[in-house]
């Protein structure tokens, strides 16, 4: 419901969520017509190739592997937001 009312430039999605997995939720969000253009950045806990590939195949725009430093996160967000800004 919140995504229907609030415009966002980016959602940072953890891969491991309490009640679901972030890859499945990303795929579900991207399948909805009003959210298809939504940009999602995945936050996997490990750089496992299959997790990264499944995230991208689900529609994620990118990822940053945990743990990450503040500087790495800021750099990634700056690059990401610069490329998707209208």
Protein backbone atom coordinates (compact mmCIF):
# COMPACT_ATOMS: atom_id res chain seq x y z
CA UNK A 1 0.00 0.00 0.00
CA UNK A 2 2.79 2.43 0.85
CA UNK A 3 4.32 2.03 -2.60
CA UNK A 4 1.02 3.16 -4.14
CA UNK A 5 1.12 6.44 -2.19
CA UNK A 6 4.81 7.30 -1.98
CA UNK A 7 7.17 7.81 -4.91
CA UNK A 8 10.65 6.51 -4.27
CA UNK A 9 13.82 6.51 -6.37
CA UNK A 10 15.23 3.37 -4.82
CA UNK A 11 14.38 0.50 -2.51
CA UNK A 12 17.20 -1.32 -0.79
CA UNK A 13 16.04 -4.92 -0.37
CA UNK A 14 17.69 -7.41 1.94
CA UNK A 15 17.89 -10.88 0.45
CA UNK A 16 17.07 -12.60 3.76
CA UNK A 17 13.80 -11.26 5.17
CA UNK A 18 11.95 -12.67 8.21
CA UNK A 19 8.83 -13.92 6.39
CA UNK A 20 9.96 -14.18 2.77
CA UNK A 21 13.02 -13.92 0.65
CA UNK A 22 13.98 -10.64 -0.94
CA UNK A 23 14.54 -12.14 -4.38
CA UNK A 24 10.99 -13.52 -4.47
CA UNK A 25 9.59 -10.21 -3.21
CA UNK A 26 11.59 -8.29 -5.81
CA UNK A 27 10.20 -10.50 -8.56
CA UNK A 28 6.66 -9.99 -7.24
CA UNK A 29 7.03 -6.19 -7.02
CA UNK A 30 8.52 -5.96 -10.53
CA UNK A 31 5.63 -8.03 -11.94
CA UNK A 32 3.06 -5.43 -10.87
CA UNK A 33 2.45 -2.90 -13.67
CA UNK A 34 2.46 0.15 -11.39
CA UNK A 35 5.77 -0.94 -9.83
CA UNK A 36 7.55 -2.35 -12.87
CA UNK A 37 9.83 0.69 -13.16
CA UNK A 38 10.73 0.60 -9.47
CA UNK A 39 14.50 0.43 -8.89
CA UNK A 40 15.66 -2.12 -6.31
CA UNK A 41 19.14 -2.63 -4.94
CA UNK A 42 19.72 -5.98 -3.28
CA UNK A 43 21.68 -6.45 -0.05
CA UNK A 44 22.96 -10.04 0.00
CA UNK A 45 24.97 -11.31 2.95
CA UNK A 46 27.46 -13.08 0.71
CA UNK A 47 28.67 -12.73 -2.86
CA UNK A 48 27.27 -16.07 -3.97
CA UNK A 49 26.98 -16.13 -7.74
CA UNK A 50 23.55 -17.80 -7.73
CA UNK A 51 22.14 -15.20 -5.32
CA UNK A 52 23.48 -12.31 -7.38
CA UNK A 53 22.22 -13.84 -10.63
CA UNK A 54 18.77 -14.62 -9.20
CA UNK A 55 18.54 -11.06 -7.84
CA UNK A 56 19.33 -9.55 -11.22
CA UNK A 57 16.98 -12.00 -12.99
CA UNK A 58 14.21 -10.97 -10.58
CA UNK A 59 14.61 -7.37 -11.71
CA UNK A 60 17.06 -5.86 -9.24
CA UNK A 61 19.02 -2.92 -10.61
CA UNK A 62 22.13 -3.77 -8.63
CA UNK A 63 23.49 -4.99 -5.34
CA UNK A 64 25.97 -4.31 -2.57
CA UNK A 65 27.22 -7.25 -0.55
CA UNK A 66 27.15 -7.05 3.27
CA UNK A 67 29.10 -6.16 5.26
CA UNK A 68 29.96 -2.91 3.53
CA UNK A 69 31.54 0.31 4.69
CA UNK A 70 29.72 3.61 4.81
CA UNK A 71 31.98 4.93 2.06
CA UNK A 72 31.26 1.94 -0.18
CA UNK A 73 27.51 2.35 0.33
CA UNK A 74 27.59 6.09 -0.37
CA UNK A 75 29.68 5.53 -3.52
CA UNK A 76 27.31 2.82 -4.76
CA UNK A 77 24.24 4.96 -4.06
CA UNK A 78 25.76 8.00 -5.77
CA UNK A 79 26.55 5.97 -8.90
CA UNK A 80 23.14 4.32 -8.84
CA UNK A 81 21.08 7.46 -8.25
CA UNK A 82 23.12 9.45 -10.76
CA UNK A 83 22.36 6.92 -13.51
CA UNK A 84 18.62 6.56 -12.78
CA UNK A 85 17.78 10.17 -11.92
CA UNK A 86 15.18 11.70 -14.27
